Amino acid sequence: MQELIYALSIAAIGVMGYALFKVISLNKKLPGGTVGKTWKLLYYMIGLFTVGYLTTLLFPVLPNSSQRVIVGIIFLAAAVFVVMVINLFLKIIKDIGLDQ
């Protein structure tokens, strides 16, 4: 079971690393304004997720209470991230005139 947990953590870290790479490359292409500001926040959130995912490798040496706090922080950040992505799409839809 421990091997499965490590494999899942490493896979998640790899996907987040890829996402971080993509968001950095896209960040350079976006202008400022509302979309650019929101994108920058998403960039920081992905960085936070990456750090949070990296901490899962330390779980075997952390007490259960610390593990639960870290997972809670990751869950809360994920919920905020989803709301931010939805709001970004709504702003983009409004900016291109599809909100009629």
PDB file of N, CA and C in Angstrom:
ATOM      1  N   MET A   1       0.820  -1.196   0.000  1.00  0.00           N
ATOM      2  CA  MET A   1       0.000   0.000   0.000  1.00  0.00           C
ATOM      3  C   MET A   1       0.864   1.261   0.000  1.00  0.00           C
ATOM      4  N   GLN A   2       1.956   1.230   0.732  1.00  0.00           N
ATOM      5  CA  GLN A   2       2.861   2.385   0.782  1.00  0.00           C
ATOM      6  C   GLN A   2       3.435   2.694  -0.602  1.00  0.00           C
ATOM      7  N   GLU A   3       3.727   1.658  -1.370  1.00  0.00           N
ATOM      8  CA  GLU A   3       4.263   1.859  -2.722  1.00  0.00           C
ATOM      9  C   GLU A   3       3.239   2.561  -3.610  1.00  0.00           C
ATOM     10  N   LEU A   4       1.968   2.195  -3.463  1.00  0.00           N
ATOM     11  CA  LEU A   4       0.909   2.833  -4.234  1.00  0.00           C
ATOM     12  C   LEU A   4       0.810   4.316  -3.885  1.00  0.00           C
ATOM     13  N   ILE A   5       0.892   4.626  -2.605  1.00  0.00           N
ATOM     14  CA  ILE A   5       0.825   6.025  -2.170  1.00  0.00           C
ATOM     15  C   ILE A   5       1.985   6.823  -2.756  1.00  0.00           C
ATOM     16  N   TYR A   6       3.184   6.269  -2.716  1.00  0.00           N
ATOM     17  CA  TYR A   6       4.340   6.959  -3.312  1.00  0.00           C
ATOM     18  C   TYR A   6       4.175   7.119  -4.822  1.00  0.00           C
ATOM     19  N   ALA A   7       3.693   6.082  -5.489  1.00  0.00           N
ATOM     20  CA  ALA A   7       3.509   6.154  -6.940  1.00  0.00           C
ATOM     21  C   ALA A   7       2.489   7.233  -7.303  1.00  0.00           C
ATOM     22  N   LEU A   8       1.389   7.295  -6.557  1.00  0.00           N
ATOM     23  CA  LEU A   8       0.380   8.323  -6.811  1.00  0.00           C
ATOM     24  C   LEU A   8       0.940   9.721  -6.545  1.00  0.00           C
ATOM     25  N   SER A   9       1.697   9.869  -5.463  1.00  0.00           N
ATOM     26  CA  SER A   9       2.290  11.174  -5.146  1.00  0.00           C
ATOM     27  C   SER A   9       3.274  11.607  -6.222  1.00  0.00           C
ATOM     28  N   ILE A  10       4.103  10.695  -6.666  1.00  0.00           N
ATOM     29  CA  ILE A  10       5.089  11.037  -7.699  1.00  0.00           C
ATOM     30  C   ILE A  10       4.391  11.385  -9.016  1.00  0.00           C
ATOM     31  N   ALA A  11       3.333  10.641  -9.356  1.00  0.00           N
ATOM     32  CA  ALA A  11       2.579  10.956 -10.574  1.00  0.00           C
ATOM     33  C   ALA A  11       1.934  12.339 -10.458  1.00  0.00           C
ATOM     34  N   ALA A  12       1.345  12.640  -9.312  1.00  0.00           N
ATOM     35  CA  ALA A  12       0.709  13.948  -9.105  1.00  0.00           C
ATOM     36  C   ALA A  12       1.750  15.070  -9.166  1.00  0.00           C
ATOM     37  N   ILE A  13       2.913  14.849  -8.580  1.00  0.00           N
ATOM     38  CA  ILE A  13       3.984  15.850  -8.623  1.00  0.00           C
ATOM     39  C   ILE A  13       4.439  16.068 -10.063  1.00  0.00           C
ATOM     40  N   GLY A  14       4.528  15.000 -10.835  1.00  0.00           N
ATOM     41  CA  GLY A  14       4.910  15.125 -12.238  1.00  0.00           C
ATOM     42  C   GLY A  14       3.898  15.932 -13.030  1.00  0.00           C
ATOM     43  N   VAL A  15       2.613  15.656 -12.817  1.00  0.00           N
ATOM     44  CA  VAL A  15       1.570  16.403 -13.520  1.00  0.00           C
ATOM     45  C   VAL A  15       1.593  17.872 -13.098  1.00  0.00           C
ATOM     46  N   MET A  16       1.774  18.139 -11.821  1.00  0.00           N
ATOM     47  CA  MET A  16       1.836  19.527 -11.355  1.00  0.00           C
ATOM     48  C   MET A  16       3.080  20.224 -11.886  1.00  0.00           C
ATOM     49  N   GLY A  17       4.177  19.508 -11.999  1.00  0.00           N
ATOM     50  CA  GLY A  17       5.380  20.096 -12.598  1.00  0.00           C
ATOM     51  C   GLY A  17       5.127  20.496 -14.040  1.00  0.00           C
ATOM     52  N   TYR A  18       4.442  19.631 -14.775  1.00  0.00           N
ATOM     53  CA  TYR A  18       4.081  19.942 -16.164  1.00  0.00           C
ATOM     54  C   TYR A  18       3.151  21.150 -16.210  1.00  0.00           C
ATOM     55  N   ALA A  19       2.158  21.186 -15.326  1.00  0.00           N
ATOM     56  CA  ALA A  19       1.222  22.314 -15.277  1.00  0.00           C
ATOM     57  C   ALA A  19       1.958  23.607 -14.952  1.00  0.00           C
ATOM     58  N   LEU A  20       2.906  23.533 -14.031  1.00  0.00           N
ATOM     59  CA  LEU A  20       3.687  24.716 -13.663  1.00  0.00           C
ATOM     60  C   LEU A  20       4.508  25.206 -14.851  1.00  0.00           C
ATOM     61  N   PHE A  21       5.105  24.286 -15.587  1.00  0.00           N
ATOM     62  CA  PHE A  21       5.862  24.643 -16.789  1.00  0.00           C
ATOM     63  C   PHE A  21       4.958  25.337 -17.807  1.00  0.00           C
ATOM     64  N   LYS A  22       3.765  24.763 -18.035  1.00  0.00           N
ATOM     65  CA  LYS A  22       2.828  25.336 -19.005  1.00  0.00           C
ATOM     66  C   LYS A  22       2.338  26.711 -18.569  1.00  0.00           C
ATOM     67  N   VAL A  23       2.030  26.861 -17.294  1.00  0.00           N
ATOM     68  CA  VAL A  23       1.505  28.143 -16.819  1.00  0.00           C
ATOM     69  C   VAL A  23       2.589  29.223 -16.884  1.00  0.00           C
ATOM     70  N   ILE A  24       3.834  28.859 -16.661  1.00  0.00           N
ATOM     71  CA  ILE A  24       4.924  29.831 -16.785  1.00  0.00           C
ATOM     72  C   ILE A  24       5.058  30.280 -18.238  1.00  0.00           C
ATOM     73  N   SER A  25       4.995  29.342 -19.173  1.00  0.00           N
ATOM     74  CA  SER A  25       5.129  29.710 -20.579  1.00  0.00           C
ATOM     75  C   SER A  25       3.931  30.534 -21.055  1.00  0.00           C
ATOM     76  N   LEU A  26       2.741  30.238 -20.580  1.00  0.00           N
ATOM     77  CA  LEU A  26       1.563  31.011 -20.954  1.00  0.00           C
ATOM     78  C   LEU A  26       1.561  32.390 -20.290  1.00  0.00           C
ATOM     79  N   ASN A  27       2.111  32.471 -19.099  1.00  0.00           N
ATOM     80  CA  ASN A  27       2.151  33.730 -18.360  1.00  0.00           C
ATOM     81  C   ASN A  27       2.890  34.807 -19.147  1.00  0.00           C
ATOM     82  N   LYS A  28       3.923  34.414 -19.867  1.00  0.00           N
ATOM     83  CA  LYS A  28       4.709  35.362 -20.645  1.00  0.00           C
ATOM     84  C   LYS A  28       3.947  35.877 -21.863  1.00  0.00           C
ATOM     85  N   LYS A  29       2.923  35.161 -22.304  1.00  0.00           N
ATOM     86  CA  LYS A  29       2.193  35.520 -23.510  1.00  0.00           C
ATOM     87  C   LYS A  29       0.942  36.341 -23.225  1.00  0.00           C
ATOM     88  N   LEU A  30       0.524  36.408 -21.972  1.00  0.00           N
ATOM     89  CA  LEU A  30      -0.718  37.098 -21.648  1.00  0.00           C
ATOM     90  C   LEU A  30      -0.469  38.570 -21.346  1.00  0.00           C
ATOM     91  N   PRO A  31      -1.352  39.419 -21.849  1.00  0.00           N
ATOM     92  CA  PRO A  31      -1.242  40.835 -21.500  1.00  0.00           C
ATOM     93  C   PRO A  31      -1.725  41.045 -20.065  1.00  0.00           C
ATOM     94  N   GLY A  32      -1.627  42.249 -19.606  1.00  0.00           N
ATOM     95  CA  GLY A  32      -2.111  42.578 -18.261  1.00  0.00           C
ATOM     96  C   GLY A  32      -3.628  42.577 -18.235  1.00  0.00           C
ATOM     97  N   GLY A  33      -4.197  43.471 -17.512  1.00  0.00           N
ATOM     98  CA  GLY A  33      -5.649  43.555 -17.418  1.00  0.00           C
ATOM     99  C   GLY A  33      -6.226  42.497 -16.502  1.00  0.00           C
ATOM    100  N   THR A  34      -7.520  42.365 -16.572  1.00  0.00           N
ATOM    101  CA  THR A  34      -8.241  41.442 -15.697  1.00  0.00           C
ATOM    102  C   THR A  34      -7.788  40.003 -15.896  1.00  0.00           C
ATOM    103  N   VAL A  35      -7.684  39.581 -17.148  1.00  0.00           N
ATOM    104  CA  VAL A  35      -7.277  38.201 -17.429  1.00  0.00           C
ATOM    105  C   VAL A  35      -5.852  37.960 -16.956  1.00  0.00           C
ATOM    106  N   GLY A  36      -4.958  38.894 -17.226  1.00  0.00           N
ATOM    107  CA  GLY A  36      -3.566  38.743 -16.807  1.00  0.00           C
ATOM    108  C   GLY A  36      -3.410  38.668 -15.300  1.00  0.00           C
ATOM    109  N   LYS A  37      -4.151  39.496 -14.570  1.00  0.00           N
ATOM    110  CA  LYS A  37      -4.087  39.483 -13.099  1.00  0.00           C
ATOM    111  C   LYS A  37      -4.611  38.167 -12.546  1.00  0.00           C
ATOM    112  N   THR A  38      -5.725  37.711 -13.088  1.00  0.00           N
ATOM    113  CA  THR A  38      -6.290  36.443 -12.623  1.00  0.00           C
ATOM    114  C   THR A  38      -5.350  35.293 -12.958  1.00  0.00           C
ATOM    115  N   TRP A  39      -4.742  35.353 -14.137  1.00  0.00           N
ATOM    116  CA  TRP A  39      -3.813  34.297 -14.533  1.00  0.00           C
ATOM    117  C   TRP A  39      -2.630  34.242 -13.577  1.00  0.00           C
ATOM    118  N   LYS A  40      -2.148  35.403 -13.149  1.00  0.00           N
ATOM    119  CA  LYS A  40      -1.025  35.442 -12.217  1.00  0.00           C
ATOM    120  C   LYS A  40      -1.413  34.772 -10.897  1.00  0.00           C
ATOM    121  N   LEU A  41      -2.638  34.990 -10.437  1.00  0.00           N
ATOM    122  CA  LEU A  41      -3.104  34.322  -9.221  1.00  0.00           C
ATOM    123  C   LEU A  41      -3.162  32.809  -9.420  1.00  0.00           C
ATOM    124  N   LEU A  42      -3.634  32.384 -10.592  1.00  0.00           N
ATOM    125  CA  LEU A  42      -3.667  30.953 -10.882  1.00  0.00           C
ATOM    126  C   LEU A  42      -2.258  30.369 -10.888  1.00  0.00           C
ATOM    127  N   TYR A  43      -1.314  31.128 -11.410  1.00  0.00           N
ATOM    128  CA  TYR A  43       0.092  30.735 -11.441  1.00  0.00           C
ATOM    129  C   TYR A  43       0.588  30.465 -10.018  1.00  0.00           C
ATOM    130  N   TYR A  44       0.288  31.376  -9.109  1.00  0.00           N
ATOM    131  CA  TYR A  44       0.710  31.195  -7.719  1.00  0.00           C
ATOM    132  C   TYR A  44       0.004  30.009  -7.059  1.00  0.00           C
ATOM    133  N   MET A  45      -1.262  29.808  -7.403  1.00  0.00           N
ATOM    134  CA  MET A  45      -1.993  28.676  -6.835  1.00  0.00           C
ATOM    135  C   MET A  45      -1.396  27.348  -7.304  1.00  0.00           C
ATOM    136  N   ILE A  46      -1.023  27.264  -8.559  1.00  0.00           N
ATOM    137  CA  ILE A  46      -0.396  26.041  -9.063  1.00  0.00           C
ATOM    138  C   ILE A  46       0.934  25.810  -8.358  1.00  0.00           C
ATOM    139  N   GLY A  47       1.677  26.876  -8.104  1.00  0.00           N
ATOM    140  CA  GLY A  47       2.915  26.753  -7.323  1.00  0.00           C
ATOM    141  C   GLY A  47       2.640  26.231  -5.920  1.00  0.00           C
ATOM    142  N   LEU A  48       1.572  26.739  -5.294  1.00  0.00           N
ATOM    143  CA  LEU A  48       1.181  26.264  -3.964  1.00  0.00           C
ATOM    144  C   LEU A  48       0.812  24.790  -3.996  1.00  0.00           C
ATOM    145  N   PHE A  49       0.057  24.382  -5.010  1.00  0.00           N
ATOM    146  CA  PHE A  49      -0.283  22.965  -5.141  1.00  0.00           C
ATOM    147  C   PHE A  49       0.956  22.109  -5.297  1.00  0.00           C
ATOM    148  N   THR A  50       1.896  22.561  -6.092  1.00  0.00           N
ATOM    149  CA  THR A  50       3.125  21.796  -6.312  1.00  0.00           C
ATOM    150  C   THR A  50       3.867  21.595  -4.992  1.00  0.00           C
ATOM    151  N   VAL A  51       3.983  22.647  -4.213  1.00  0.00           N
ATOM    152  CA  VAL A  51       4.636  22.534  -2.901  1.00  0.00           C
ATOM    153  C   VAL A  51       3.845  21.585  -2.002  1.00  0.00           C
ATOM    154  N   GLY A  52       2.531  21.719  -2.011  1.00  0.00           N
ATOM    155  CA  GLY A  52       1.692  20.832  -1.199  1.00  0.00           C
ATOM    156  C   GLY A  52       1.847  19.375  -1.602  1.00  0.00           C
ATOM    157  N   TYR A  53       1.895  19.129  -2.907  1.00  0.00           N
ATOM    158  CA  TYR A  53       2.067  17.760  -3.383  1.00  0.00           C
ATOM    159  C   TYR A  53       3.438  17.211  -3.007  1.00  0.00           C
ATOM    160  N   LEU A  54       4.450  18.069  -3.049  1.00  0.00           N
ATOM    161  CA  LEU A  54       5.795  17.619  -2.650  1.00  0.00           C
ATOM    162  C   LEU A  54       5.835  17.191  -1.184  1.00  0.00           C
ATOM    163  N   THR A  55       5.028  17.843  -0.338  1.00  0.00           N
ATOM    164  CA  THR A  55       5.020  17.474   1.077  1.00  0.00           C
ATOM    165  C   THR A  55       4.445  16.083   1.308  1.00  0.00           C
ATOM    166  N   THR A  56       3.653  15.575   0.358  1.00  0.00           N
ATOM    167  CA  THR A  56       3.082  14.243   0.558  1.00  0.00           C
ATOM    168  C   THR A  56       4.169  13.168   0.620  1.00  0.00           C
ATOM    169  N   LEU A  57       5.318  13.453   0.031  1.00  0.00           N
ATOM    170  CA  LEU A  57       6.421  12.488   0.128  1.00  0.00           C
ATOM    171  C   LEU A  57       6.954  12.378   1.554  1.00  0.00           C
ATOM    172  N   LEU A  58       6.700  13.399   2.369  1.00  0.00           N
ATOM    173  CA  LEU A  58       7.151  13.394   3.762  1.00  0.00           C
ATOM    174  C   LEU A  58       6.124  12.786   4.716  1.00  0.00           C
ATOM    175  N   PHE A  59       4.969  12.429   4.227  1.00  0.00           N
ATOM    176  CA  PHE A  59       3.905  11.938   5.092  1.00  0.00           C
ATOM    177  C   PHE A  59       4.304  10.778   6.004  1.00  0.00           C
ATOM    178  N   PRO A  60       5.115   9.825   5.542  1.00  0.00           N
ATOM    179  CA  PRO A  60       5.467   8.724   6.460  1.00  0.00           C
ATOM    180  C   PRO A  60       6.183   9.175   7.738  1.00  0.00           C
ATOM    181  N   VAL A  61       6.841  10.326   7.707  1.00  0.00           N
ATOM    182  CA  VAL A  61       7.568  10.786   8.898  1.00  0.00           C
ATOM    183  C   VAL A  61       6.813  11.885   9.646  1.00  0.00           C
ATOM    184  N   LEU A  62       5.673  12.315   9.126  1.00  0.00           N
ATOM    185  CA  LEU A  62       4.886  13.358   9.778  1.00  0.00           C
ATOM    186  C   LEU A  62       3.795  12.739  10.644  1.00  0.00           C
ATOM    187  N   PRO A  63       3.454  13.396  11.743  1.00  0.00           N
ATOM    188  CA  PRO A  63       2.322  12.899  12.551  1.00  0.00           C
ATOM    189  C   PRO A  63       1.010  13.043  11.779  1.00  0.00           C
ATOM    190  N   ASN A  64       0.035  12.240  12.159  1.00  0.00           N
ATOM    191  CA  ASN A  64      -1.269  12.252  11.472  1.00  0.00           C
ATOM    192  C   ASN A  64      -1.910  13.637  11.488  1.00  0.00           C
ATOM    193  N   SER A  65      -1.772  14.359  12.593  1.00  0.00           N
ATOM    194  CA  SER A  65      -2.396  15.686  12.668  1.00  0.00           C
ATOM    195  C   SER A  65      -1.789  16.635  11.635  1.00  0.00           C
ATOM    196  N   SER A  66      -0.493  16.571  11.414  1.00  0.00           N
ATOM    197  CA  SER A  66       0.155  17.411  10.405  1.00  0.00           C
ATOM    198  C   SER A  66      -0.289  17.006   9.006  1.00  0.00           C
ATOM    199  N   GLN A  67      -0.409  15.714   8.776  1.00  0.00           N
ATOM    200  CA  GLN A  67      -0.876  15.228   7.481  1.00  0.00           C
ATOM    201  C   GLN A  67      -2.274  15.770   7.188  1.00  0.00           C
ATOM    202  N   ARG A  68      -3.136  15.727   8.180  1.00  0.00           N
ATOM    203  CA  ARG A  68      -4.514  16.196   7.985  1.00  0.00           C
ATOM    204  C   ARG A  68      -4.565  17.691   7.704  1.00  0.00           C
ATOM    205  N   VAL A  69      -3.733  18.466   8.372  1.00  0.00           N
ATOM    206  CA  VAL A  69      -3.695  19.914   8.129  1.00  0.00           C
ATOM    207  C   VAL A  69      -3.229  20.190   6.705  1.00  0.00           C
ATOM    208  N   ILE A  70      -2.191  19.497   6.258  1.00  0.00           N
ATOM    209  CA  ILE A  70      -1.671  19.695   4.897  1.00  0.00           C
ATOM    210  C   ILE A  70      -2.731  19.332   3.866  1.00  0.00           C
ATOM    211  N   VAL A  71      -3.399  18.201   4.059  1.00  0.00           N
ATOM    212  CA  VAL A  71      -4.450  17.784   3.125  1.00  0.00           C
ATOM    213  C   VAL A  71      -5.597  18.797   3.142  1.00  0.00           C
ATOM    214  N   GLY A  72      -5.948  19.295   4.301  1.00  0.00           N
ATOM    215  CA  GLY A  72      -7.002  20.307   4.398  1.00  0.00           C
ATOM    216  C   GLY A  72      -6.637  21.579   3.651  1.00  0.00           C
ATOM    217  N   ILE A  73      -5.393  22.008   3.766  1.00  0.00           N
ATOM    218  CA  ILE A  73      -4.928  23.197   3.049  1.00  0.00           C
ATOM    219  C   ILE A  73      -4.991  22.958   1.543  1.00  0.00           C
ATOM    220  N   ILE A  74      -4.553  21.785   1.107  1.00  0.00           N
ATOM    221  CA  ILE A  74      -4.594  21.463  -0.329  1.00  0.00           C
ATOM    222  C   ILE A  74      -6.038  21.436  -0.825  1.00  0.00           C
ATOM    223  N   PHE A  75      -6.954  20.847  -0.053  1.00  0.00           N
ATOM    224  CA  PHE A  75      -8.368  20.801  -0.447  1.00  0.00           C
ATOM    225  C   PHE A  75      -8.965  22.205  -0.541  1.00  0.00           C
ATOM    226  N   LEU A  76      -8.691  23.044   0.448  1.00  0.00           N
ATOM    227  CA  LEU A  76      -9.211  24.408   0.427  1.00  0.00           C
ATOM    228  C   LEU A  76      -8.648  25.186  -0.758  1.00  0.00           C
ATOM    229  N   ALA A  77      -7.350  25.069  -0.993  1.00  0.00           N
ATOM    230  CA  ALA A  77      -6.730  25.750  -2.130  1.00  0.00           C
ATOM    231  C   ALA A  77      -7.322  25.246  -3.444  1.00  0.00           C
ATOM    232  N   ALA A  78      -7.616  23.960  -3.531  1.00  0.00           N
ATOM    233  CA  ALA A  78      -8.217  23.401  -4.754  1.00  0.00           C
ATOM    234  C   ALA A  78      -9.606  23.988  -4.986  1.00  0.00           C
ATOM    235  N   ALA A  79     -10.378  24.139  -3.931  1.00  0.00           N
ATOM    236  CA  ALA A  79     -11.716  24.718  -4.067  1.00  0.00           C
ATOM    237  C   ALA A  79     -11.625  26.170  -4.533  1.00  0.00           C
ATOM    238  N   VAL A  80     -10.710  26.941  -3.960  1.00  0.00           N
ATOM    239  CA  VAL A  80     -10.509  28.332  -4.370  1.00  0.00           C
ATOM    240  C   VAL A  80     -10.044  28.373  -5.821  1.00  0.00           C
ATOM    241  N   PHE A  81      -9.162  27.465  -6.187  1.00  0.00           N
ATOM    242  CA  PHE A  81      -8.647  27.400  -7.559  1.00  0.00           C
ATOM    243  C   PHE A  81      -9.781  27.165  -8.559  1.00  0.00           C
ATOM    244  N   VAL A  82     -10.671  26.249  -8.245  1.00  0.00           N
ATOM    245  CA  VAL A  82     -11.796  25.953  -9.142  1.00  0.00           C
ATOM    246  C   VAL A  82     -12.664  27.197  -9.322  1.00  0.00           C
ATOM    247  N   VAL A  83     -12.957  27.895  -8.237  1.00  0.00           N
ATOM    248  CA  VAL A  83     -13.756  29.121  -8.329  1.00  0.00           C
ATOM    249  C   VAL A  83     -13.032  30.163  -9.180  1.00  0.00           C
ATOM    250  N   MET A  84     -11.715  30.291  -9.007  1.00  0.00           N
ATOM    251  CA  MET A  84     -10.941  31.255  -9.786  1.00  0.00           C
ATOM    252  C   MET A  84     -10.965  30.914 -11.274  1.00  0.00           C
ATOM    253  N   VAL A  85     -10.853  29.646 -11.612  1.00  0.00           N
ATOM    254  CA  VAL A  85     -10.889  29.233 -13.023  1.00  0.00           C
ATOM    255  C   VAL A  85     -12.259  29.533 -13.626  1.00  0.00           C
ATOM    256  N   ILE A  86     -13.313  29.241 -12.896  1.00  0.00           N
ATOM    257  CA  ILE A  86     -14.657  29.525 -13.392  1.00  0.00           C
ATOM    258  C   ILE A  86     -14.832  31.025 -13.608  1.00  0.00           C
ATOM    259  N   ASN A  87     -14.392  31.831 -12.648  1.00  0.00           N
ATOM    260  CA  ASN A  87     -14.501  33.280 -12.793  1.00  0.00           C
ATOM    261  C   ASN A  87     -13.666  33.795 -13.957  1.00  0.00           C
ATOM    262  N   LEU A  88     -12.496  33.206 -14.178  1.00  0.00           N
ATOM    263  CA  LEU A  88     -11.665  33.610 -15.308  1.00  0.00           C
ATOM    264  C   LEU A  88     -12.388  33.329 -16.621  1.00  0.00           C
ATOM    265  N   PHE A  89     -12.981  32.164 -16.739  1.00  0.00           N
ATOM    266  CA  PHE A  89     -13.726  31.843 -17.956  1.00  0.00           C
ATOM    267  C   PHE A  89     -14.909  32.788 -18.152  1.00  0.00           C
ATOM    268  N   LEU A  90     -15.590  33.133 -17.066  1.00  0.00           N
ATOM    269  CA  LEU A  90     -16.697  34.081 -17.176  1.00  0.00           C
ATOM    270  C   LEU A  90     -16.204  35.446 -17.660  1.00  0.00           C
ATOM    271  N   LYS A  91     -15.049  35.886 -17.173  1.00  0.00           N
ATOM    272  CA  LYS A  91     -14.471  37.163 -17.621  1.00  0.00           C
ATOM    273  C   LYS A  91     -14.096  37.097 -19.099  1.00  0.00           C
ATOM    274  N   ILE A  92     -13.537  35.996 -19.507  1.00  0.00           N
ATOM    275  CA  ILE A  92     -13.153  35.842 -20.914  1.00  0.00           C
ATOM    276  C   ILE A  92     -14.399  35.837 -21.791  1.00  0.00           C
ATOM    277  N   ILE A  93     -15.427  35.112 -21.394  1.00  0.00           N
ATOM    278  CA  ILE A  93     -16.682  35.065 -22.139  1.00  0.00           C
ATOM    279  C   ILE A  93     -17.281  36.464 -22.255  1.00  0.00           C
ATOM    280  N   LYS A  94     -17.236  37.227 -21.179  1.00  0.00           N
ATOM    281  CA  LYS A  94     -17.753  38.600 -21.211  1.00  0.00           C
ATOM    282  C   LYS A  94     -16.903  39.468 -22.125  1.00  0.00           C
ATOM    283  N   ASP A  95     -15.575  39.335 -22.043  1.00  0.00           N
ATOM    284  CA  ASP A  95     -14.666  40.157 -22.854  1.00  0.00           C
ATOM    285  C   ASP A  95     -14.827  39.908 -24.349  1.00  0.00           C
ATOM    286  N   ILE A  96     -15.129  38.673 -24.733  1.00  0.00           N
ATOM    287  CA  ILE A  96     -15.272  38.391 -26.172  1.00  0.00           C
ATOM    288  C   ILE A  96     -16.713  38.507 -26.636  1.00  0.00           C
ATOM    289  N   GLY A  97     -17.619  38.884 -25.729  1.00  0.00           N
ATOM    290  CA  GLY A  97     -18.986  39.190 -26.108  1.00  0.00           C
ATOM    291  C   GLY A  97     -19.914  38.003 -26.255  1.00  0.00           C
ATOM    292  N   LEU A  98     -19.629  36.924 -25.584  1.00  0.00           N
ATOM    293  CA  LEU A  98     -20.505  35.751 -25.670  1.00  0.00           C
ATOM    294  C   LEU A  98     -21.527  35.676 -24.545  1.00  0.00           C
ATOM    295  N   ASP A  99     -21.623  36.692 -23.716  1.00  0.00           N
ATOM    296  CA  ASP A  99     -22.512  36.660 -22.553  1.00  0.00           C
ATOM    297  C   ASP A  99     -23.895  37.215 -22.841  1.00  0.00           C
ATOM    298  N   GLN A 100     -24.301  37.234 -24.057  1.00  0.00           N
ATOM    299  CA  GLN A 100     -25.588  37.837 -24.429  1.00  0.00           C
ATOM    300  C   GLN A 100     -26.732  36.926 -24.198  1.00  0.00           C
TER     301      GLN A 100
END
